[in-house]
Amino acid sequence: MGMNEDIKTEIKMLLLKKCWTQEKLAQELGKRLNKKYTGNNLTKKLRTETIQYREIKLIADILGFDIEFKDRDLK
């Protein structure tokens, strides 16, 4: 993902790769965090970029992705 892409776009791209909807992702987040999540709540968090990092890590886990930090100086 490029530096100019926002989190909303990145999550949407991941959802497309896995053929998931935001609603399905919201339901799974709700199950794992034991709280109510809706597609609208998730959309708002992504649009306003107020989603927490732990939620991003959980989204990656749910969708089967790893988050990796790479040292740019080692290229």
Protein backbone atom coordinates (compact mmCIF):
# COMPACT_ATOMS: atom_id res chain seq x y z
CA MET A 1 0.00 0.00 0.00
CA GLY A 2 1.24 3.45 -0.81
CA MET A 3 1.90 6.17 1.73
CA ASN A 4 -0.90 8.34 0.29
CA GLU A 5 -3.67 5.76 0.74
CA ASP A 6 -5.96 6.20 3.69
CA ILE A 7 -6.96 3.40 6.03
CA LYS A 8 -10.48 3.26 4.55
CA THR A 9 -9.10 2.49 1.09
CA GLU A 10 -6.65 -0.08 2.43
CA ILE A 11 -9.35 -1.95 4.39
CA LYS A 12 -11.69 -1.89 1.39
CA MET A 13 -8.95 -3.38 -0.79
CA LEU A 14 -8.37 -6.15 1.76
CA LEU A 15 -12.10 -6.85 1.95
CA LEU A 16 -12.27 -7.13 -1.85
CA LYS A 17 -9.34 -9.57 -1.90
CA LYS A 18 -11.17 -11.81 0.57
CA CYS A 19 -14.67 -11.26 -0.89
CA TRP A 20 -15.95 -9.88 2.43
CA THR A 21 -18.37 -7.02 3.07
CA GLN A 22 -17.87 -4.34 5.70
CA GLU A 23 -21.00 -5.63 7.40
CA LYS A 24 -19.56 -9.15 7.67
CA LEU A 25 -16.30 -7.72 9.01
CA ALA A 26 -18.20 -5.59 11.54
CA GLN A 27 -20.10 -8.66 12.75
CA GLU A 28 -16.87 -10.60 13.22
CA LEU A 29 -15.26 -7.67 15.05
CA GLY A 30 -18.27 -7.56 17.35
CA LYS A 31 -17.95 -11.27 18.12
CA ARG A 32 -14.25 -11.07 18.87
CA LEU A 33 -14.44 -7.87 20.93
CA ASN A 34 -17.70 -8.85 22.61
CA LYS A 35 -19.39 -5.58 21.75
CA LYS A 36 -21.82 -4.27 19.18
CA TYR A 37 -20.33 -3.33 15.84
CA THR A 38 -22.30 -2.40 12.76
CA GLY A 39 -21.23 -1.75 9.21
CA ASN A 40 -22.15 1.91 9.72
CA ASN A 41 -20.02 2.20 12.88
CA LEU A 42 -17.06 0.67 11.07
CA THR A 43 -17.57 2.92 8.05
CA LYS A 44 -17.60 6.01 10.28
CA LYS A 45 -14.41 4.95 12.09
CA LEU A 46 -12.67 4.33 8.78
CA ARG A 47 -13.93 7.55 7.18
CA THR A 48 -12.88 9.72 10.12
CA GLU A 49 -9.71 7.68 10.71
CA THR A 50 -10.58 7.19 14.38
CA ILE A 51 -10.21 3.42 14.35
CA GLN A 52 -7.86 2.10 17.03
CA TYR A 53 -4.66 0.26 16.16
CA ARG A 54 -5.82 -2.82 18.08
CA GLU A 55 -8.91 -2.88 15.83
CA ILE A 56 -6.70 -2.66 12.75
CA LYS A 57 -4.60 -5.58 14.04
CA LEU A 58 -7.78 -7.57 14.67
CA ILE A 59 -9.11 -6.78 11.18
CA ALA A 60 -5.84 -8.03 9.69
CA ASP A 61 -6.10 -11.21 11.76
CA ILE A 62 -9.74 -11.81 10.83
CA LEU A 63 -8.93 -11.41 7.14
CA GLY A 64 -5.79 -13.54 7.34
CA PHE A 65 -3.18 -10.82 6.87
CA ASP A 66 -0.11 -9.85 8.88
CA ILE A 67 0.94 -6.30 9.62
CA GLU A 68 4.64 -5.86 9.10
CA PHE A 69 6.94 -2.94 9.75
CA LYS A 70 9.93 -2.83 7.43
CA ASP A 71 13.06 -0.85 8.01
CA ARG A 72 13.39 1.36 4.92
CA ASP A 73 17.12 1.71 5.56
CA LEU A 74 17.64 -2.01 4.93
CA LYS A 75 16.44 -2.00 1.30
